[in-house]
PDB file of N, CA and C in Angstrom:
ATOM      1  N   MET A   1       0.852  -1.179   0.000  1.00  0.00           N
ATOM      2  CA  MET A   1       0.000   0.000   0.000  1.00  0.00           C
ATOM      3  C   MET A   1       0.894   1.236   0.000  1.00  0.00           C
ATOM      4  N   SER A   2       0.675   2.127  -0.925  1.00  0.00           N
ATOM      5  CA  SER A   2       1.514   3.316  -1.047  1.00  0.00           C
ATOM      6  C   SER A   2       1.020   4.420  -0.110  1.00  0.00           C
ATOM      7  N   LEU A   3       1.860   5.419   0.064  1.00  0.00           N
ATOM      8  CA  LEU A   3       1.508   6.564   0.910  1.00  0.00           C
ATOM      9  C   LEU A   3       0.279   7.271   0.357  1.00  0.00           C
ATOM     10  N   TYR A   4       0.197   7.369  -0.957  1.00  0.00           N
ATOM     11  CA  TYR A   4      -0.960   8.006  -1.575  1.00  0.00           C
ATOM     12  C   TYR A   4      -2.257   7.285  -1.208  1.00  0.00           C
ATOM     13  N   GLU A   5      -2.245   5.968  -1.256  1.00  0.00           N
ATOM     14  CA  GLU A   5      -3.445   5.196  -0.928  1.00  0.00           C
ATOM     15  C   GLU A   5      -3.828   5.347   0.536  1.00  0.00           C
ATOM     16  N   ILE A   6      -2.833   5.414   1.400  1.00  0.00           N
ATOM     17  CA  ILE A   6      -3.095   5.599   2.834  1.00  0.00           C
ATOM     18  C   ILE A   6      -3.711   6.967   3.085  1.00  0.00           C
ATOM     19  N   LEU A   7      -3.130   8.002   2.482  1.00  0.00           N
ATOM     20  CA  LEU A   7      -3.669   9.355   2.661  1.00  0.00           C
ATOM     21  C   LEU A   7      -5.045   9.483   2.025  1.00  0.00           C
ATOM     22  N   ARG A   8      -5.246   8.839   0.910  1.00  0.00           N
ATOM     23  CA  ARG A   8      -6.549   8.877   0.247  1.00  0.00           C
ATOM     24  C   ARG A   8      -7.608   8.205   1.110  1.00  0.00           C
ATOM     25  N   HIS A   9      -7.275   7.085   1.710  1.00  0.00           N
ATOM     26  CA  HIS A   9      -8.215   6.405   2.598  1.00  0.00           C
ATOM     27  C   HIS A   9      -8.544   7.277   3.809  1.00  0.00           C
ATOM     28  N   PHE A  10      -7.540   7.924   4.376  1.00  0.00           N
ATOM     29  CA  PHE A  10      -7.762   8.811   5.522  1.00  0.00           C
ATOM     30  C   PHE A  10      -8.673   9.964   5.141  1.00  0.00           C
ATOM     31  N   ALA A  11      -8.415  10.582   3.994  1.00  0.00           N
ATOM     32  CA  ALA A  11      -9.225  11.718   3.562  1.00  0.00           C
ATOM     33  C   ALA A  11     -10.664  11.291   3.279  1.00  0.00           C
ATOM     34  N   ASP A  12     -10.840  10.117   2.703  1.00  0.00           N
ATOM     35  CA  ASP A  12     -12.188   9.643   2.395  1.00  0.00           C
ATOM     36  C   ASP A  12     -12.978   9.306   3.645  1.00  0.00           C
ATOM     37  N   SER A  13     -12.324   8.822   4.671  1.00  0.00           N
ATOM     38  CA  SER A  13     -13.061   8.367   5.844  1.00  0.00           C
ATOM     39  C   SER A  13     -13.078   9.394   6.973  1.00  0.00           C
ATOM     40  N   PHE A  14     -11.925   9.803   7.430  1.00  0.00           N
ATOM     41  CA  PHE A  14     -11.862  10.663   8.610  1.00  0.00           C
ATOM     42  C   PHE A  14     -11.760  12.146   8.271  1.00  0.00           C
ATOM     43  N   GLY A  15     -11.262  12.466   7.118  1.00  0.00           N
ATOM     44  CA  GLY A  15     -11.099  13.875   6.745  1.00  0.00           C
ATOM     45  C   GLY A  15     -12.421  14.619   6.705  1.00  0.00           C
ATOM     46  N   LEU A  16     -13.449  13.995   6.164  1.00  0.00           N
ATOM     47  CA  LEU A  16     -14.756  14.629   6.093  1.00  0.00           C
ATOM     48  C   LEU A  16     -15.333  14.864   7.477  1.00  0.00           C
ATOM     49  N   VAL A  17     -15.141  13.920   8.353  1.00  0.00           N
ATOM     50  CA  VAL A  17     -15.643  14.063   9.727  1.00  0.00           C
ATOM     51  C   VAL A  17     -14.927  15.209  10.435  1.00  0.00           C
ATOM     52  N   VAL A  18     -13.625  15.298  10.270  1.00  0.00           N
ATOM     53  CA  VAL A  18     -12.843  16.364  10.909  1.00  0.00           C
ATOM     54  C   VAL A  18     -13.249  17.729  10.361  1.00  0.00           C
ATOM     55  N   ILE A  19     -13.395  17.841   9.058  1.00  0.00           N
ATOM     56  CA  ILE A  19     -13.775  19.118   8.454  1.00  0.00           C
ATOM     57  C   ILE A  19     -15.181  19.517   8.890  1.00  0.00           C
ATOM     58  N   PHE A  20     -16.107  18.578   8.960  1.00  0.00           N
ATOM     59  CA  PHE A  20     -17.467  18.878   9.403  1.00  0.00           C
ATOM     60  C   PHE A  20     -17.488  19.316  10.864  1.00  0.00           C
ATOM     61  N   ALA A  21     -16.709  18.659  11.715  1.00  0.00           N
ATOM     62  CA  ALA A  21     -16.634  19.046  13.130  1.00  0.00           C
ATOM     63  C   ALA A  21     -16.032  20.441  13.276  1.00  0.00           C
ATOM     64  N   LEU A  22     -15.023  20.745  12.490  1.00  0.00           N
ATOM     65  CA  LEU A  22     -14.430  22.085  12.525  1.00  0.00           C
ATOM     66  C   LEU A  22     -15.426  23.126  12.049  1.00  0.00           C
ATOM     67  N   TYR A  23     -16.179  22.821  11.013  1.00  0.00           N
ATOM     68  CA  TYR A  23     -17.193  23.735  10.500  1.00  0.00           C
ATOM     69  C   TYR A  23     -18.245  24.027  11.574  1.00  0.00           C
ATOM     70  N   LEU A  24     -18.745  22.995  12.226  1.00  0.00           N
ATOM     71  CA  LEU A  24     -19.746  23.196  13.275  1.00  0.00           C
ATOM     72  C   LEU A  24     -19.177  24.004  14.437  1.00  0.00           C
ATOM     73  N   THR A  25     -17.941  23.719  14.811  1.00  0.00           N
ATOM     74  CA  THR A  25     -17.313  24.453  15.900  1.00  0.00           C
ATOM     75  C   THR A  25     -17.198  25.930  15.580  1.00  0.00           C
ATOM     76  N   LEU A  26     -16.754  26.254  14.379  1.00  0.00           N
ATOM     77  CA  LEU A  26     -16.585  27.651  13.994  1.00  0.00           C
ATOM     78  C   LEU A  26     -17.929  28.365  13.828  1.00  0.00           C
ATOM     79  N   CYS A  27     -18.935  27.662  13.337  1.00  0.00           N
ATOM     80  CA  CYS A  27     -20.254  28.277  13.183  1.00  0.00           C
ATOM     81  C   CYS A  27     -20.929  28.534  14.524  1.00  0.00           C
ATOM     82  N   LEU A  28     -20.747  27.633  15.467  1.00  0.00           N
ATOM     83  CA  LEU A  28     -21.416  27.762  16.760  1.00  0.00           C
ATOM     84  C   LEU A  28     -20.592  28.518  17.797  1.00  0.00           C
ATOM     85  N   TRP A  29     -19.367  28.877  17.476  1.00  0.00           N
ATOM     86  CA  TRP A  29     -18.462  29.518  18.434  1.00  0.00           C
ATOM     87  C   TRP A  29     -19.031  30.833  18.971  1.00  0.00           C
ATOM     88  N   HIS A  30     -19.662  31.627  18.139  1.00  0.00           N
ATOM     89  CA  HIS A  30     -20.137  32.930  18.601  1.00  0.00           C
ATOM     90  C   HIS A  30     -21.445  32.844  19.375  1.00  0.00           C
ATOM     91  N   PHE A  31     -22.054  31.666  19.476  1.00  0.00           N
ATOM     92  CA  PHE A  31     -23.254  31.493  20.283  1.00  0.00           C
ATOM     93  C   PHE A  31     -22.954  31.079  21.718  1.00  0.00           C
ATOM     94  N   ARG A  32     -21.695  30.887  22.048  1.00  0.00           N
ATOM     95  CA  ARG A  32     -21.366  30.483  23.410  1.00  0.00           C
ATOM     96  C   ARG A  32     -21.636  31.645  24.373  1.00  0.00           C
ATOM     97  N   PRO A  33     -21.973  31.349  25.622  1.00  0.00           N
ATOM     98  CA  PRO A  33     -22.346  32.417  26.562  1.00  0.00           C
ATOM     99  C   PRO A  33     -21.243  33.444  26.811  1.00  0.00           C
ATOM    100  N   GLY A  34     -19.998  33.059  26.794  1.00  0.00           N
ATOM    101  CA  GLY A  34     -18.919  33.999  27.076  1.00  0.00           C
ATOM    102  C   GLY A  34     -18.602  34.944  25.938  1.00  0.00           C
ATOM    103  N   ALA A  35     -19.221  34.756  24.803  1.00  0.00           N
ATOM    104  CA  ALA A  35     -18.904  35.584  23.631  1.00  0.00           C
ATOM    105  C   ALA A  35     -19.839  36.768  23.470  1.00  0.00           C
ATOM    106  N   LYS A  36     -20.758  36.963  24.386  1.00  0.00           N
ATOM    107  CA  LYS A  36     -21.745  38.028  24.218  1.00  0.00           C
ATOM    108  C   LYS A  36     -21.093  39.402  24.120  1.00  0.00           C
ATOM    109  N   ALA A  37     -20.097  39.673  24.936  1.00  0.00           N
ATOM    110  CA  ALA A  37     -19.436  40.982  24.887  1.00  0.00           C
ATOM    111  C   ALA A  37     -18.712  41.182  23.564  1.00  0.00           C
ATOM    112  N   HIS A  38     -18.081  40.142  23.052  1.00  0.00           N
ATOM    113  CA  HIS A  38     -17.376  40.245  21.775  1.00  0.00           C
ATOM    114  C   HIS A  38     -18.349  40.426  20.615  1.00  0.00           C
ATOM    115  N   VAL A  39     -19.485  39.754  20.687  1.00  0.00           N
ATOM    116  CA  VAL A  39     -20.494  39.885  19.634  1.00  0.00           C
ATOM    117  C   VAL A  39     -21.072  41.295  19.635  1.00  0.00           C
ATOM    118  N   GLU A  40     -21.342  41.837  20.807  1.00  0.00           N
ATOM    119  CA  GLU A  40     -21.861  43.204  20.903  1.00  0.00           C
ATOM    120  C   GLU A  40     -20.845  44.218  20.381  1.00  0.00           C
ATOM    121  N   ALA A  41     -19.579  44.027  20.726  1.00  0.00           N
ATOM    122  CA  ALA A  41     -18.539  44.946  20.252  1.00  0.00           C
ATOM    123  C   ALA A  41     -18.394  44.871  18.738  1.00  0.00           C
ATOM    124  N   ALA A  42     -18.459  43.677  18.179  1.00  0.00           N
ATOM    125  CA  ALA A  42     -18.348  43.526  16.738  1.00  0.00           C
ATOM    126  C   ALA A  42     -19.571  44.087  16.029  1.00  0.00           C
ATOM    127  N   LYS A  43     -20.729  43.951  16.657  1.00  0.00           N
ATOM    128  CA  LYS A  43     -21.969  44.429  16.054  1.00  0.00           C
ATOM    129  C   LYS A  43     -21.954  45.946  15.894  1.00  0.00           C
ATOM    130  N   HIS A  44     -21.333  46.653  16.841  1.00  0.00           N
ATOM    131  CA  HIS A  44     -21.323  48.115  16.801  1.00  0.00           C
ATOM    132  C   HIS A  44     -20.001  48.685  16.298  1.00  0.00           C
ATOM    133  N   SER A  45     -19.057  47.838  15.927  1.00  0.00           N
ATOM    134  CA  SER A  45     -17.747  48.342  15.512  1.00  0.00           C
ATOM    135  C   SER A  45     -17.801  49.105  14.202  1.00  0.00           C
ATOM    136  N   ILE A  46     -18.770  48.843  13.374  1.00  0.00           N
ATOM    137  CA  ILE A  46     -18.868  49.552  12.105  1.00  0.00           C
ATOM    138  C   ILE A  46     -19.199  51.030  12.323  1.00  0.00           C
ATOM    139  N   PHE A  47     -19.819  51.361  13.447  1.00  0.00           N
ATOM    140  CA  PHE A  47     -20.195  52.734  13.749  1.00  0.00           C
ATOM    141  C   PHE A  47     -19.205  53.419  14.680  1.00  0.00           C
ATOM    142  N   LYS A  48     -18.073  52.803  14.970  1.00  0.00           N
ATOM    143  CA  LYS A  48     -17.124  53.325  15.947  1.00  0.00           C
ATOM    144  C   LYS A  48     -16.612  54.708  15.592  1.00  0.00           C
ATOM    145  N   ASP A  49     -16.241  54.940  14.350  1.00  0.00           N
ATOM    146  CA  ASP A  49     -15.678  56.219  13.956  1.00  0.00           C
ATOM    147  C   ASP A  49     -16.723  57.231  13.515  1.00  0.00           C
ATOM    148  N   GLU A  50     -17.980  56.857  13.511  1.00  0.00           N
ATOM    149  CA  GLU A  50     -19.037  57.761  13.077  1.00  0.00           C
ATOM    150  C   GLU A  50     -19.192  58.945  14.027  1.00  0.00           C
ATOM    151  N   ASP A  51     -18.973  58.744  15.326  1.00  0.00           N
ATOM    152  CA  ASP A  51     -19.103  59.839  16.288  1.00  0.00           C
ATOM    153  C   ASP A  51     -17.946  60.825  16.190  1.00  0.00           C
ATOM    154  N   ASP A  52     -16.795  60.391  15.707  1.00  0.00           N
ATOM    155  CA  ASP A  52     -15.633  61.266  15.609  1.00  0.00           C
ATOM    156  C   ASP A  52     -15.744  62.253  14.442  1.00  0.00           C
ATOM    157  N   VAL A  53     -16.575  61.965  13.460  1.00  0.00           N
ATOM    158  CA  VAL A  53     -16.679  62.808  12.257  1.00  0.00           C
ATOM    159  C   VAL A  53     -17.405  64.101  12.560  1.00  0.00           C
ATOM    160  N   GLN A  54     -18.329  64.109  13.457  1.00  0.00           N
ATOM    161  CA  GLN A  54     -19.141  65.297  13.739  1.00  0.00           C
ATOM    162  C   GLN A  54     -18.283  66.365  14.241  1.00  0.00           C
TER     163      GLN A  54
END
């Protein structure tokens, strides 16, 4: 069995599971309870310099 076949088998079986778990983790990361302050800061960051223009 060549290295290519071993890596191909890994990618076909476990690679998809790992990528899906990473996707779910990254999508759900901002819903965790400790992220509320960061989400609020990011939500209003687009308007941060708007008060300085006046």
